[in-house]
Amino acid sequence: MGSTADKIKGTANEAIGKAKQGIGEATGNDRLQGEGAVQEIKGKGQKAMGDAKQAAREAVDKAAAAANKNL
């Protein structure tokens, strides 16, 4: 999965998790609140993975450009 896909899925999971937490809180459903918290954390992790992939790709591109420049 690419960095953009990770970021999109992460954002979606984060939003859904927050919504689940809100609904769980409003209805007094502790299980739903817990599921929402887990899903929100999962989303944050996915977004971080997307950021890391993007940074790695940019570093490789920069190194390749420098190598080509020296040829």
N, C-alpha and C. Protein backbone atom coordinates (compact mmCIF):
# COMPACT_ATOMS: atom_id res chain seq x y z
N MET A 1 0.84 -1.17 0.00
CA MET A 1 0.00 0.00 0.00
C MET A 1 0.88 1.23 0.00
N GLY A 2 0.51 2.22 -0.78
CA GLY A 2 1.30 3.43 -0.88
C GLY A 2 1.06 4.39 0.28
N SER A 3 1.88 5.40 0.33
CA SER A 3 1.79 6.35 1.44
C SER A 3 0.45 7.10 1.43
N THR A 4 -0.04 7.45 0.26
CA THR A 4 -1.31 8.17 0.18
C THR A 4 -2.46 7.29 0.65
N ALA A 5 -2.46 6.03 0.23
CA ALA A 5 -3.52 5.11 0.66
C ALA A 5 -3.48 4.91 2.17
N ASP A 6 -2.29 4.80 2.74
CA ASP A 6 -2.16 4.67 4.20
C ASP A 6 -2.74 5.89 4.90
N LYS A 7 -2.43 7.06 4.38
CA LYS A 7 -2.92 8.29 4.99
C LYS A 7 -4.44 8.40 4.91
N ILE A 8 -5.00 8.02 3.77
CA ILE A 8 -6.45 8.08 3.59
C ILE A 8 -7.15 7.10 4.52
N LYS A 9 -6.66 5.87 4.55
CA LYS A 9 -7.26 4.87 5.44
C LYS A 9 -7.10 5.27 6.90
N GLY A 10 -5.96 5.84 7.22
CA GLY A 10 -5.71 6.29 8.58
C GLY A 10 -6.67 7.39 8.99
N THR A 11 -6.88 8.34 8.10
CA THR A 11 -7.80 9.44 8.39
C THR A 11 -9.22 8.90 8.58
N ALA A 12 -9.62 7.96 7.72
CA ALA A 12 -10.95 7.37 7.84
C ALA A 12 -11.10 6.62 9.16
N ASN A 13 -10.13 5.79 9.50
CA ASN A 13 -10.20 5.03 10.75
C ASN A 13 -10.22 5.96 11.96
N GLU A 14 -9.46 7.01 11.89
CA GLU A 14 -9.42 7.97 12.99
C GLU A 14 -10.80 8.62 13.18
N ALA A 15 -11.41 9.03 12.08
CA ALA A 15 -12.72 9.69 12.14
C ALA A 15 -13.81 8.72 12.62
N ILE A 16 -13.79 7.50 12.10
CA ILE A 16 -14.78 6.51 12.51
C ILE A 16 -14.60 6.16 13.98
N GLY A 17 -13.36 6.05 14.41
CA GLY A 17 -13.08 5.76 15.81
C GLY A 17 -13.61 6.84 16.73
N LYS A 18 -13.40 8.10 16.34
CA LYS A 18 -13.91 9.21 17.15
C LYS A 18 -15.44 9.19 17.20
N ALA A 19 -16.06 8.87 16.06
CA ALA A 19 -17.52 8.81 16.01
C ALA A 19 -18.03 7.68 16.92
N LYS A 20 -17.39 6.52 16.85
CA LYS A 20 -17.79 5.40 17.71
C LYS A 20 -17.67 5.78 19.19
N GLN A 21 -16.60 6.46 19.52
CA GLN A 21 -16.42 6.88 20.91
C GLN A 21 -17.54 7.82 21.34
N GLY A 22 -17.88 8.75 20.48
CA GLY A 22 -18.96 9.70 20.79
C GLY A 22 -20.30 9.01 20.96
N ILE A 23 -20.61 8.08 20.06
CA ILE A 23 -21.86 7.35 20.15
C ILE A 23 -21.87 6.48 21.41
N GLY A 24 -20.75 5.84 21.66
CA GLY A 24 -20.65 5.01 22.86
C GLY A 24 -20.82 5.81 24.13
N GLU A 25 -20.26 7.00 24.14
CA GLU A 25 -20.39 7.87 25.31
C GLU A 25 -21.84 8.34 25.47
N ALA A 26 -22.46 8.70 24.35
CA ALA A 26 -23.84 9.20 24.39
C ALA A 26 -24.83 8.12 24.82
N THR A 27 -24.54 6.88 24.45
CA THR A 27 -25.46 5.78 24.78
C THR A 27 -25.05 5.00 26.01
N GLY A 28 -23.90 5.35 26.57
CA GLY A 28 -23.41 4.63 27.74
C GLY A 28 -22.86 3.25 27.41
N ASN A 29 -22.42 3.06 26.15
CA ASN A 29 -21.91 1.78 25.70
C ASN A 29 -20.39 1.79 25.80
N ASP A 30 -19.87 1.19 26.87
CA ASP A 30 -18.42 1.16 27.09
C ASP A 30 -17.69 0.37 26.01
N ARG A 31 -18.31 -0.68 25.52
CA ARG A 31 -17.66 -1.50 24.49
C ARG A 31 -17.45 -0.68 23.21
N LEU A 32 -18.46 0.07 22.82
CA LEU A 32 -18.34 0.89 21.61
C LEU A 32 -17.30 1.99 21.80
N GLN A 33 -17.25 2.55 22.99
CA GLN A 33 -16.22 3.56 23.28
C GLN A 33 -14.83 2.94 23.14
N GLY A 34 -14.65 1.75 23.67
CA GLY A 34 -13.36 1.07 23.58
C GLY A 34 -12.97 0.75 22.16
N GLU A 35 -13.93 0.24 21.39
CA GLU A 35 -13.67 -0.07 19.97
C GLU A 35 -13.27 1.21 19.23
N GLY A 36 -13.96 2.30 19.55
CA GLY A 36 -13.65 3.57 18.90
C GLY A 36 -12.25 4.05 19.22
N ALA A 37 -11.85 3.89 20.47
CA ALA A 37 -10.50 4.31 20.87
C ALA A 37 -9.44 3.49 20.14
N VAL A 38 -9.67 2.19 20.04
CA VAL A 38 -8.72 1.31 19.34
C VAL A 38 -8.65 1.69 17.86
N GLN A 39 -9.80 1.94 17.25
CA GLN A 39 -9.82 2.28 15.83
C GLN A 39 -9.15 3.63 15.58
N GLU A 40 -9.34 4.57 16.49
CA GLU A 40 -8.69 5.88 16.34
C GLU A 40 -7.18 5.73 16.41
N ILE A 41 -6.69 4.94 17.34
CA ILE A 41 -5.24 4.71 17.47
C ILE A 41 -4.70 4.01 16.23
N LYS A 42 -5.47 3.04 15.72
CA LYS A 42 -5.07 2.35 14.48
C LYS A 42 -4.93 3.36 13.34
N GLY A 43 -5.87 4.28 13.24
CA GLY A 43 -5.82 5.31 12.20
C GLY A 43 -4.60 6.19 12.33
N LYS A 44 -4.28 6.57 13.55
CA LYS A 44 -3.08 7.39 13.77
C LYS A 44 -1.83 6.63 13.34
N GLY A 45 -1.80 5.34 13.62
CA GLY A 45 -0.66 4.51 13.21
C GLY A 45 -0.56 4.42 11.69
N GLN A 46 -1.69 4.26 11.03
CA GLN A 46 -1.69 4.18 9.57
C GLN A 46 -1.19 5.49 8.96
N LYS A 47 -1.62 6.61 9.52
CA LYS A 47 -1.16 7.90 9.01
C LYS A 47 0.35 8.06 9.22
N ALA A 48 0.84 7.61 10.37
CA ALA A 48 2.27 7.68 10.64
C ALA A 48 3.05 6.81 9.65
N MET A 49 2.50 5.63 9.34
CA MET A 49 3.14 4.74 8.37
C MET A 49 3.20 5.42 7.00
N GLY A 50 2.14 6.07 6.61
CA GLY A 50 2.12 6.79 5.34
C GLY A 50 3.15 7.90 5.31
N ASP A 51 3.28 8.62 6.41
CA ASP A 51 4.30 9.68 6.49
C ASP A 51 5.71 9.11 6.38
N ALA A 52 5.94 7.96 7.03
CA ALA A 52 7.26 7.33 6.99
C ALA A 52 7.58 6.85 5.57
N LYS A 53 6.60 6.26 4.91
CA LYS A 53 6.81 5.80 3.53
C LYS A 53 7.13 6.97 2.61
N GLN A 54 6.41 8.07 2.79
CA GLN A 54 6.65 9.24 1.96
C GLN A 54 8.05 9.80 2.21
N ALA A 55 8.46 9.87 3.46
CA ALA A 55 9.80 10.38 3.79
C ALA A 55 10.88 9.48 3.19
N ALA A 56 10.67 8.17 3.26
CA ALA A 56 11.65 7.24 2.69
C ALA A 56 11.74 7.41 1.17
N ARG A 57 10.59 7.54 0.53
CA ARG A 57 10.57 7.72 -0.92
C ARG A 57 11.28 9.01 -1.31
N GLU A 58 11.04 10.08 -0.55
CA GLU A 58 11.69 11.36 -0.85
C GLU A 58 13.20 11.27 -0.66
N ALA A 59 13.64 10.53 0.36
CA ALA A 59 15.07 10.36 0.59
C ALA A 59 15.72 9.58 -0.55
N VAL A 60 15.04 8.54 -1.01
CA VAL A 60 15.57 7.74 -2.13
C VAL A 60 15.63 8.60 -3.40
N ASP A 61 14.57 9.35 -3.65
CA ASP A 61 14.55 10.23 -4.84
C ASP A 61 15.68 11.26 -4.78
N LYS A 62 15.91 11.81 -3.60
CA LYS A 62 16.96 12.81 -3.45
C LYS A 62 18.33 12.19 -3.67
N ALA A 63 18.54 10.97 -3.14
CA ALA A 63 19.81 10.28 -3.30
C ALA A 63 20.03 9.92 -4.79
N ALA A 64 18.97 9.48 -5.45
CA ALA A 64 19.07 9.13 -6.86
C ALA A 64 19.39 10.37 -7.71
N ALA A 65 18.77 11.48 -7.39
CA ALA A 65 19.03 12.71 -8.12
C ALA A 65 20.48 13.15 -7.93
N ALA A 66 20.98 13.01 -6.70
CA ALA A 66 22.37 13.40 -6.44
C ALA A 66 23.33 12.46 -7.18
N ALA A 67 23.01 11.18 -7.21
CA ALA A 67 23.86 10.22 -7.91
C ALA A 67 23.87 10.50 -9.41
N ASN A 68 22.71 10.81 -9.97
CA ASN A 68 22.61 11.12 -11.41
C ASN A 68 23.35 12.41 -11.74
N LYS A 69 23.33 13.35 -10.82
CA LYS A 69 24.00 14.62 -11.04
C LYS A 69 25.52 14.42 -11.12
N ASN A 70 26.03 13.46 -10.34
CA ASN A 70 27.47 13.20 -10.29
C ASN A 70 27.94 12.36 -11.47
N LEU A 71 27.02 11.82 -12.24
CA LEU A 71 27.42 10.99 -13.39
C LEU A 71 27.78 11.86 -14.51
